[in-house]
N, C-alpha and C. Protein backbone atom coordinates (compact mmCIF):
# COMPACT_ATOMS: atom_id res chain seq x y z
N MET A 1 164.00 -57.95 -29.55
CA MET A 1 165.29 -57.38 -29.22
C MET A 1 165.97 -56.97 -30.53
N GLU A 2 166.50 -55.79 -30.54
CA GLU A 2 167.16 -55.27 -31.73
C GLU A 2 168.53 -55.92 -31.93
N PRO A 3 169.06 -55.88 -33.15
CA PRO A 3 170.36 -56.53 -33.41
C PRO A 3 171.49 -55.96 -32.56
N GLU A 4 171.46 -54.66 -32.31
CA GLU A 4 172.50 -54.06 -31.48
C GLU A 4 172.43 -54.59 -30.06
N GLU A 5 171.21 -54.76 -29.55
CA GLU A 5 171.05 -55.30 -28.21
C GLU A 5 171.53 -56.75 -28.14
N LYS A 6 171.30 -57.50 -29.20
CA LYS A 6 171.77 -58.88 -29.25
C LYS A 6 173.30 -58.93 -29.27
N GLU A 7 173.93 -57.99 -29.99
CA GLU A 7 175.40 -57.94 -30.00
C GLU A 7 175.94 -57.65 -28.61
N ILE A 8 175.30 -56.72 -27.91
CA ILE A 8 175.73 -56.37 -26.55
C ILE A 8 175.59 -57.57 -25.63
N CYS A 9 174.45 -58.25 -25.69
CA CYS A 9 174.22 -59.42 -24.83
C CYS A 9 175.19 -60.54 -25.17
N ALA A 10 175.46 -60.74 -26.45
CA ALA A 10 176.41 -61.79 -26.85
C ALA A 10 177.81 -61.49 -26.31
N TYR A 11 178.21 -60.22 -26.36
CA TYR A 11 179.52 -59.87 -25.81
C TYR A 11 179.55 -60.09 -24.29
N LEU A 12 178.49 -59.68 -23.61
CA LEU A 12 178.47 -59.82 -22.15
C LEU A 12 178.37 -61.28 -21.70
N LYS A 13 177.84 -62.15 -22.53
CA LYS A 13 177.85 -63.57 -22.20
C LYS A 13 179.27 -64.11 -22.16
N GLY A 14 180.14 -63.53 -22.97
CA GLY A 14 181.53 -63.97 -23.01
C GLY A 14 182.30 -63.60 -21.76
N VAL A 15 181.85 -62.58 -21.06
CA VAL A 15 182.50 -62.16 -19.82
C VAL A 15 181.49 -62.28 -18.68
N ALA A 16 180.79 -63.40 -18.63
CA ALA A 16 179.69 -63.60 -17.69
C ALA A 16 180.12 -63.35 -16.25
N GLY A 17 179.27 -62.64 -15.54
CA GLY A 17 179.51 -62.38 -14.12
C GLY A 17 180.35 -61.16 -13.84
N GLN A 18 181.01 -60.60 -14.83
CA GLN A 18 181.86 -59.43 -14.62
C GLN A 18 181.13 -58.17 -15.04
N PHE A 19 181.34 -57.10 -14.27
CA PHE A 19 180.85 -55.80 -14.69
C PHE A 19 181.83 -55.21 -15.70
N VAL A 20 181.30 -54.68 -16.80
CA VAL A 20 182.11 -54.12 -17.88
C VAL A 20 181.67 -52.68 -18.10
N SER A 21 182.63 -51.79 -18.32
CA SER A 21 182.30 -50.38 -18.53
C SER A 21 181.58 -50.19 -19.86
N ALA A 22 180.80 -49.12 -19.92
CA ALA A 22 180.06 -48.80 -21.15
C ALA A 22 181.03 -48.55 -22.30
N ARG A 23 182.14 -47.91 -22.01
CA ARG A 23 183.12 -47.63 -23.05
C ARG A 23 183.70 -48.93 -23.64
N GLU A 24 183.98 -49.88 -22.77
CA GLU A 24 184.51 -51.17 -23.23
C GLU A 24 183.47 -51.92 -24.05
N ILE A 25 182.21 -51.85 -23.65
CA ILE A 25 181.14 -52.50 -24.41
C ILE A 25 181.03 -51.85 -25.79
N CYS A 26 181.08 -50.53 -25.84
CA CYS A 26 181.02 -49.82 -27.13
C CYS A 26 182.18 -50.24 -28.03
N ARG A 27 183.33 -50.43 -27.44
CA ARG A 27 184.52 -50.76 -28.21
C ARG A 27 184.50 -52.20 -28.71
N ARG A 28 184.06 -53.13 -27.89
CA ARG A 28 184.20 -54.55 -28.22
C ARG A 28 182.97 -55.17 -28.86
N ALA A 29 181.77 -54.71 -28.51
CA ALA A 29 180.56 -55.40 -28.96
C ALA A 29 180.25 -55.14 -30.44
N GLY A 30 180.44 -53.94 -30.91
CA GLY A 30 180.04 -53.62 -32.26
C GLY A 30 181.13 -53.68 -33.29
N GLY A 31 182.31 -53.86 -32.88
CA GLY A 31 183.41 -53.91 -33.82
C GLY A 31 184.15 -52.59 -33.93
N LYS A 32 185.27 -52.66 -34.59
CA LYS A 32 186.18 -51.52 -34.70
C LYS A 32 185.57 -50.36 -35.48
N TRP A 33 184.90 -50.65 -36.57
CA TRP A 33 184.40 -49.57 -37.43
C TRP A 33 183.22 -48.86 -36.80
N ARG A 34 182.35 -49.59 -36.14
CA ARG A 34 181.23 -48.94 -35.48
C ARG A 34 181.74 -48.03 -34.36
N TYR A 35 182.76 -48.47 -33.63
CA TYR A 35 183.33 -47.66 -32.55
C TYR A 35 183.99 -46.41 -33.12
N ARG A 36 184.66 -46.53 -34.26
CA ARG A 36 185.29 -45.36 -34.87
C ARG A 36 184.26 -44.35 -35.36
N ASP A 37 183.13 -44.84 -35.91
CA ASP A 37 182.08 -43.94 -36.39
C ASP A 37 181.38 -43.21 -35.25
N ASN A 38 181.08 -43.94 -34.17
CA ASN A 38 180.38 -43.36 -33.03
C ASN A 38 180.83 -44.08 -31.77
N PRO A 39 181.74 -43.48 -31.00
CA PRO A 39 182.29 -44.17 -29.82
C PRO A 39 181.26 -44.43 -28.71
N GLU A 40 180.09 -43.81 -28.77
CA GLU A 40 179.09 -44.01 -27.73
C GLU A 40 177.82 -44.64 -28.29
N TRP A 41 177.93 -45.48 -29.30
CA TRP A 41 176.77 -46.04 -29.97
C TRP A 41 175.92 -46.94 -29.08
N ALA A 42 176.52 -47.60 -28.10
CA ALA A 42 175.79 -48.60 -27.31
C ALA A 42 175.08 -48.02 -26.10
N ILE A 43 175.35 -46.80 -25.73
CA ILE A 43 174.79 -46.25 -24.49
C ILE A 43 173.26 -46.23 -24.48
N PRO A 44 172.57 -45.79 -25.55
CA PRO A 44 171.10 -45.84 -25.50
C PRO A 44 170.57 -47.28 -25.38
N PHE A 45 171.25 -48.22 -26.00
CA PHE A 45 170.82 -49.61 -25.91
C PHE A 45 171.07 -50.18 -24.52
N LEU A 46 172.16 -49.77 -23.88
CA LEU A 46 172.44 -50.21 -22.52
C LEU A 46 171.36 -49.72 -21.56
N VAL A 47 170.97 -48.47 -21.70
CA VAL A 47 169.92 -47.91 -20.84
C VAL A 47 168.62 -48.67 -21.04
N HIS A 48 168.29 -48.95 -22.29
CA HIS A 48 167.07 -49.69 -22.60
C HIS A 48 167.11 -51.10 -22.02
N LEU A 49 168.24 -51.78 -22.11
CA LEU A 49 168.37 -53.13 -21.57
C LEU A 49 168.29 -53.14 -20.04
N VAL A 50 168.78 -52.08 -19.39
CA VAL A 50 168.66 -51.99 -17.93
C VAL A 50 167.19 -51.78 -17.56
N GLU A 51 166.47 -50.95 -18.31
CA GLU A 51 165.05 -50.72 -18.04
C GLU A 51 164.25 -52.01 -18.20
N ARG A 52 164.62 -52.84 -19.16
CA ARG A 52 163.92 -54.10 -19.41
C ARG A 52 164.41 -55.22 -18.51
N LYS A 53 165.34 -54.92 -17.61
CA LYS A 53 165.90 -55.87 -16.64
C LYS A 53 166.61 -57.05 -17.29
N VAL A 54 167.29 -56.77 -18.40
CA VAL A 54 168.16 -57.76 -19.02
C VAL A 54 169.57 -57.59 -18.48
N LEU A 55 169.96 -56.33 -18.24
CA LEU A 55 171.26 -55.99 -17.67
C LEU A 55 171.08 -55.34 -16.31
N GLU A 56 172.14 -55.42 -15.51
CA GLU A 56 172.16 -54.65 -14.27
C GLU A 56 173.37 -53.74 -14.29
N SER A 57 173.25 -52.63 -13.58
CA SER A 57 174.31 -51.62 -13.57
C SER A 57 174.73 -51.37 -12.13
N ASP A 58 176.02 -51.06 -11.95
CA ASP A 58 176.47 -50.69 -10.62
C ASP A 58 176.61 -49.17 -10.54
N ALA A 59 177.15 -48.67 -9.44
CA ALA A 59 177.24 -47.23 -9.21
C ALA A 59 178.21 -46.53 -10.15
N THR A 60 179.13 -47.27 -10.75
CA THR A 60 180.12 -46.66 -11.64
C THR A 60 179.78 -46.84 -13.11
N SER A 61 178.51 -47.13 -13.41
CA SER A 61 178.02 -47.32 -14.78
C SER A 61 178.73 -48.46 -15.51
N HIS A 62 178.94 -49.53 -14.80
CA HIS A 62 179.43 -50.76 -15.40
C HIS A 62 178.24 -51.72 -15.48
N TYR A 63 178.22 -52.56 -16.51
CA TYR A 63 177.05 -53.38 -16.79
C TYR A 63 177.42 -54.86 -16.83
N ARG A 64 176.43 -55.71 -16.51
CA ARG A 64 176.57 -57.15 -16.69
C ARG A 64 175.19 -57.74 -16.89
N LEU A 65 175.16 -58.95 -17.45
CA LEU A 65 173.90 -59.65 -17.66
C LEU A 65 173.34 -60.11 -16.32
N ILE A 66 172.02 -60.05 -16.20
CA ILE A 66 171.37 -60.58 -15.00
C ILE A 66 171.27 -62.08 -15.17
N LYS A 67 171.70 -62.80 -14.14
CA LYS A 67 171.67 -64.25 -14.19
C LYS A 67 170.24 -64.72 -14.00
N ARG A 68 169.80 -65.58 -14.88
CA ARG A 68 168.46 -66.16 -14.79
C ARG A 68 168.59 -67.50 -14.10
N ASN A 69 167.74 -67.73 -13.11
CA ASN A 69 167.76 -68.99 -12.39
C ASN A 69 166.97 -70.04 -13.18
N LYS A 70 167.65 -71.02 -13.71
CA LYS A 70 167.02 -72.04 -14.54
C LYS A 70 166.25 -73.06 -13.70
N LYS A 71 166.53 -73.15 -12.41
CA LYS A 71 165.86 -74.14 -11.58
C LYS A 71 164.39 -73.78 -11.36
N ASN A 72 164.04 -72.52 -11.44
CA ASN A 72 162.66 -72.12 -11.21
C ASN A 72 161.78 -72.32 -12.43
N ARG A 73 162.35 -72.65 -13.55
CA ARG A 73 161.55 -72.89 -14.74
C ARG A 73 160.81 -74.21 -14.60
N MET A 74 159.62 -74.22 -15.07
CA MET A 74 158.86 -75.46 -15.05
C MET A 74 159.09 -76.20 -16.36
N GLY A 75 159.20 -77.51 -16.27
CA GLY A 75 159.36 -78.31 -17.47
C GLY A 75 158.04 -78.39 -18.23
N LYS A 76 158.14 -78.59 -19.51
CA LYS A 76 156.95 -78.70 -20.34
C LYS A 76 156.85 -80.10 -20.90
N TRP A 77 155.65 -80.62 -20.88
CA TRP A 77 155.39 -81.92 -21.46
C TRP A 77 155.06 -81.74 -22.93
N LEU A 78 155.31 -82.78 -23.72
CA LEU A 78 154.98 -82.72 -25.13
C LEU A 78 153.46 -82.69 -25.33
N SER A 79 152.76 -83.50 -24.59
CA SER A 79 151.30 -83.54 -24.68
C SER A 79 150.76 -84.17 -23.40
N PRO A 80 149.49 -83.95 -23.09
CA PRO A 80 148.91 -84.59 -21.89
C PRO A 80 148.94 -86.12 -21.99
N GLN A 81 148.79 -86.64 -23.20
CA GLN A 81 148.81 -88.09 -23.37
C GLN A 81 150.21 -88.65 -23.06
N MET A 82 151.24 -87.96 -23.52
CA MET A 82 152.62 -88.39 -23.25
C MET A 82 152.91 -88.32 -21.75
N ARG A 83 152.38 -87.32 -21.08
CA ARG A 83 152.58 -87.19 -19.64
C ARG A 83 151.97 -88.39 -18.92
N GLU A 84 150.76 -88.78 -19.31
CA GLU A 84 150.11 -89.93 -18.69
C GLU A 84 150.92 -91.20 -18.92
N ILE A 85 151.43 -91.37 -20.11
CA ILE A 85 152.21 -92.57 -20.43
C ILE A 85 153.48 -92.63 -19.58
N LEU A 86 154.18 -91.50 -19.48
CA LEU A 86 155.43 -91.48 -18.71
C LEU A 86 155.16 -91.66 -17.23
N GLU A 87 154.11 -91.04 -16.71
CA GLU A 87 153.81 -91.19 -15.29
C GLU A 87 153.34 -92.60 -14.95
N SER A 88 152.60 -93.23 -15.86
CA SER A 88 152.09 -94.57 -15.59
C SER A 88 153.18 -95.64 -15.72
N SER A 89 154.32 -95.30 -16.33
CA SER A 89 155.39 -96.29 -16.49
C SER A 89 156.03 -96.65 -15.16
N GLY A 90 155.94 -95.74 -14.17
CA GLY A 90 156.50 -96.03 -12.85
C GLY A 90 158.00 -95.84 -12.77
N LYS A 91 158.64 -95.42 -13.82
CA LYS A 91 160.09 -95.22 -13.81
C LYS A 91 160.42 -93.80 -13.38
N ASP A 92 161.60 -93.64 -12.77
CA ASP A 92 162.09 -92.32 -12.40
C ASP A 92 162.81 -91.73 -13.61
N LEU A 93 162.22 -90.72 -14.22
CA LEU A 93 162.81 -90.11 -15.41
C LEU A 93 163.42 -88.75 -15.11
N GLY A 94 163.70 -88.47 -13.84
CA GLY A 94 164.25 -87.17 -13.46
C GLY A 94 165.74 -87.04 -13.71
N GLY A 95 166.47 -88.12 -13.77
CA GLY A 95 167.91 -88.07 -13.96
C GLY A 95 168.30 -88.00 -15.41
N VAL A 96 169.58 -87.83 -15.64
CA VAL A 96 170.11 -87.78 -17.00
C VAL A 96 170.58 -89.18 -17.39
N VAL A 97 170.16 -89.63 -18.54
CA VAL A 97 170.55 -90.94 -19.03
C VAL A 97 171.64 -90.73 -20.07
N PRO A 98 172.84 -91.28 -19.87
CA PRO A 98 173.91 -91.09 -20.86
C PRO A 98 173.60 -91.84 -22.15
N ASP A 99 173.96 -91.23 -23.24
CA ASP A 99 173.78 -91.84 -24.56
C ASP A 99 174.92 -92.82 -24.78
N GLU A 100 174.61 -94.04 -25.16
CA GLU A 100 175.63 -95.06 -25.33
C GLU A 100 176.46 -94.86 -26.58
N ASP A 101 175.93 -94.10 -27.54
CA ASP A 101 176.62 -93.89 -28.81
C ASP A 101 177.56 -92.69 -28.79
N VAL A 102 177.66 -92.00 -27.65
CA VAL A 102 178.47 -90.79 -27.59
C VAL A 102 179.43 -90.89 -26.41
N GLU A 103 180.69 -90.53 -26.64
CA GLU A 103 181.70 -90.50 -25.58
C GLU A 103 181.43 -89.30 -24.67
N GLU A 104 182.15 -89.22 -23.54
CA GLU A 104 181.97 -88.12 -22.59
C GLU A 104 182.35 -86.77 -23.20
N ASP A 105 183.31 -86.75 -24.11
CA ASP A 105 183.73 -85.49 -24.71
C ASP A 105 182.86 -85.09 -25.90
N GLY A 106 181.77 -85.83 -26.18
CA GLY A 106 180.85 -85.46 -27.24
C GLY A 106 181.15 -86.06 -28.60
N THR A 107 182.19 -86.91 -28.70
CA THR A 107 182.55 -87.49 -29.99
C THR A 107 182.01 -88.91 -30.08
N ALA A 108 181.88 -89.40 -31.29
CA ALA A 108 181.41 -90.77 -31.50
C ALA A 108 182.55 -91.74 -31.19
N PRO A 109 182.22 -92.93 -30.66
CA PRO A 109 183.28 -93.90 -30.37
C PRO A 109 183.89 -94.45 -31.66
N ASN A 110 185.15 -94.88 -31.57
CA ASN A 110 185.85 -95.40 -32.76
C ASN A 110 185.51 -96.82 -33.05
């Protein structure tokens, strides 16, 4: 992915779920100076991202990121040996175990 495409995706992550016009993406994603130099700089990148199915477009040429379903991803084991060890332990490791050294807000306890 090119740096311009990464800038566009980073901007669209900030407004996740909303369709944004191409003009607004050109204005906000690349910064003020890039927009002043070429007000339509992002349009070829938007078309390319739609072709690669990273973005989706509606009938009025507004764009948004395609949501990826994380539940369909398969988990990866570190190694086959580690998998055997964890499976043979008989414990349910599917849940989240809270860390005792970290508070709920992510800070260390006093």
